[in-house]
Structures are given as C-alpha cells and as structure tokens.
Amino acid sequence: MTKRDIIQKCHEKDHDFSKSLTEKVLNFVLEEIALSLSRGEKVKLSGFGTWSIKKTSKKVSVKFKPSKKLLSYLNTSNLSAKINR
C-alpha cells in the first residue's frame, strides 16, 4: 500500500473530505512523526505500533515495534534525512 492508496481509501470511506485535504492531513501526520523522531522522542500510535531511534557508533536507525505481529520495516532515505538533521 502506498501513500496514494491510503489517501484513496480514506476518501472512499468519508466523502466529506476532499483528496487534497486528506493528503494534507496525512502529510502533516507523517511530518510530525518524523520531527518527533528527529528530537529523539518515541512515537506511539495505539493499536498500530511504536517508533523509536536507535543510535549506534556508525549510524542512526529507526526501530519500529508493531502492536501484535512481526513486521519488517525499512525507513526511507527521506525519513533518515529528516531524523539526521
């Protein structure tokens, strides 16, 4: 599922919001998650999972702990750049 898919699904569930407004809200949420991680804060979305920053001697990585099942997560270079600011 891509960001575009998420926007489409949200719009299909509630037609009161335009796709452009839905996209703005999603972008805001994702930006706030990235900013919180860049400040070293843990981000927890109840029922979904928790993000935290793990610092090693060579790199900074994002750790994602899902709520129930094992999930593989790979952060993008865009998120890494925001975290490493």
Protein backbone atom coordinates (compact mmCIF):
# COMPACT_ATOMS: atom_id res chain seq x y z
CA MET A 1 0.00 0.00 0.00
CA THR A 2 1.32 3.42 -0.93
CA LYS A 3 0.57 6.87 0.42
CA ARG A 4 -1.68 7.43 -2.60
CA ASP A 5 -3.59 4.23 -1.74
CA ILE A 6 -4.10 5.41 1.84
CA ILE A 7 -5.45 8.75 0.61
CA GLN A 8 -7.81 6.97 -1.79
CA LYS A 9 -9.10 4.59 0.91
CA CYS A 10 -9.70 7.46 3.35
CA HIS A 11 -11.56 9.41 0.68
CA GLU A 12 -13.71 6.38 -0.17
CA LYS A 13 -14.70 5.93 3.48
CA ASP A 14 -15.64 9.57 4.02
CA HIS A 15 -16.53 11.78 1.04
CA ASP A 16 -16.85 14.85 3.29
CA PHE A 17 -13.12 15.43 2.88
CA SER A 18 -11.50 16.07 -0.48
CA LYS A 19 -8.49 14.06 -1.59
CA SER A 20 -6.33 17.17 -1.36
CA LEU A 21 -7.39 17.79 2.26
CA THR A 22 -6.84 14.12 3.11
CA GLU A 23 -3.37 14.31 1.56
CA LYS A 24 -2.53 17.47 3.56
CA VAL A 25 -3.60 15.80 6.81
CA LEU A 26 -1.62 12.63 6.05
CA ASN A 27 1.47 14.67 5.13
CA PHE A 28 1.12 16.65 8.36
CA VAL A 29 0.88 13.47 10.44
CA LEU A 30 3.91 11.90 8.74
CA GLU A 31 5.91 15.12 9.12
CA GLU A 32 5.08 15.28 12.83
CA ILE A 33 6.19 11.66 13.28
CA ALA A 34 9.50 12.45 11.52
CA LEU A 35 10.02 15.62 13.59
CA SER A 36 9.33 13.81 16.85
CA LEU A 37 11.83 11.11 15.90
CA SER A 38 14.40 13.77 14.99
CA ARG A 39 14.03 15.19 18.52
CA GLY A 40 14.71 11.73 19.93
CA GLU A 41 11.13 11.22 21.09
CA LYS A 42 9.34 7.86 20.96
CA VAL A 43 6.23 7.85 18.75
CA LYS A 44 3.43 5.51 19.81
CA LEU A 45 0.24 5.01 17.83
CA SER A 46 -2.04 2.86 19.98
CA GLY A 47 -3.14 -0.28 18.19
CA PHE A 48 -0.57 0.22 15.46
CA GLY A 49 2.97 0.38 16.79
CA THR A 50 5.84 2.37 18.23
CA TRP A 51 8.78 4.09 16.54
CA SER A 52 11.99 4.95 18.33
CA ILE A 53 15.52 5.98 17.40
CA LYS A 54 18.43 3.64 17.94
CA LYS A 55 21.87 5.25 17.82
CA THR A 56 24.93 3.15 17.10
CA SER A 57 28.51 4.22 16.59
CA LYS A 58 28.12 4.19 12.80
CA LYS A 59 24.54 5.17 12.05
CA VAL A 60 21.15 6.25 13.31
CA SER A 61 18.29 3.88 12.54
CA VAL A 62 14.56 3.86 13.14
CA LYS A 63 13.18 0.96 15.14
CA PHE A 64 9.55 0.05 14.63
CA LYS A 65 7.78 -2.25 17.05
CA PRO A 66 4.39 -3.36 15.76
CA SER A 67 1.47 -3.91 18.09
CA LYS A 68 0.88 -7.63 17.59
CA LYS A 69 2.55 -9.41 14.66
CA LEU A 70 6.14 -9.28 13.49
CA LEU A 71 6.58 -6.65 10.81
CA SER A 72 9.59 -5.75 8.73
CA TYR A 73 10.18 -2.00 8.47
CA LEU A 74 12.74 -0.13 6.41
CA ASN A 75 12.93 3.64 6.69
CA THR A 76 13.35 5.69 3.54
CA SER A 77 16.27 7.97 2.83
CA ASN A 78 13.82 10.88 3.12
CA LEU A 79 12.92 9.91 6.70
CA SER A 80 16.57 9.27 7.53
CA ALA A 81 17.49 12.75 6.28
CA LYS A 82 14.80 14.35 8.47
CA ILE A 83 15.95 12.39 11.52
CA ASN A 84 19.63 13.19 10.98
CA ARG A 85 19.09 16.96 10.70
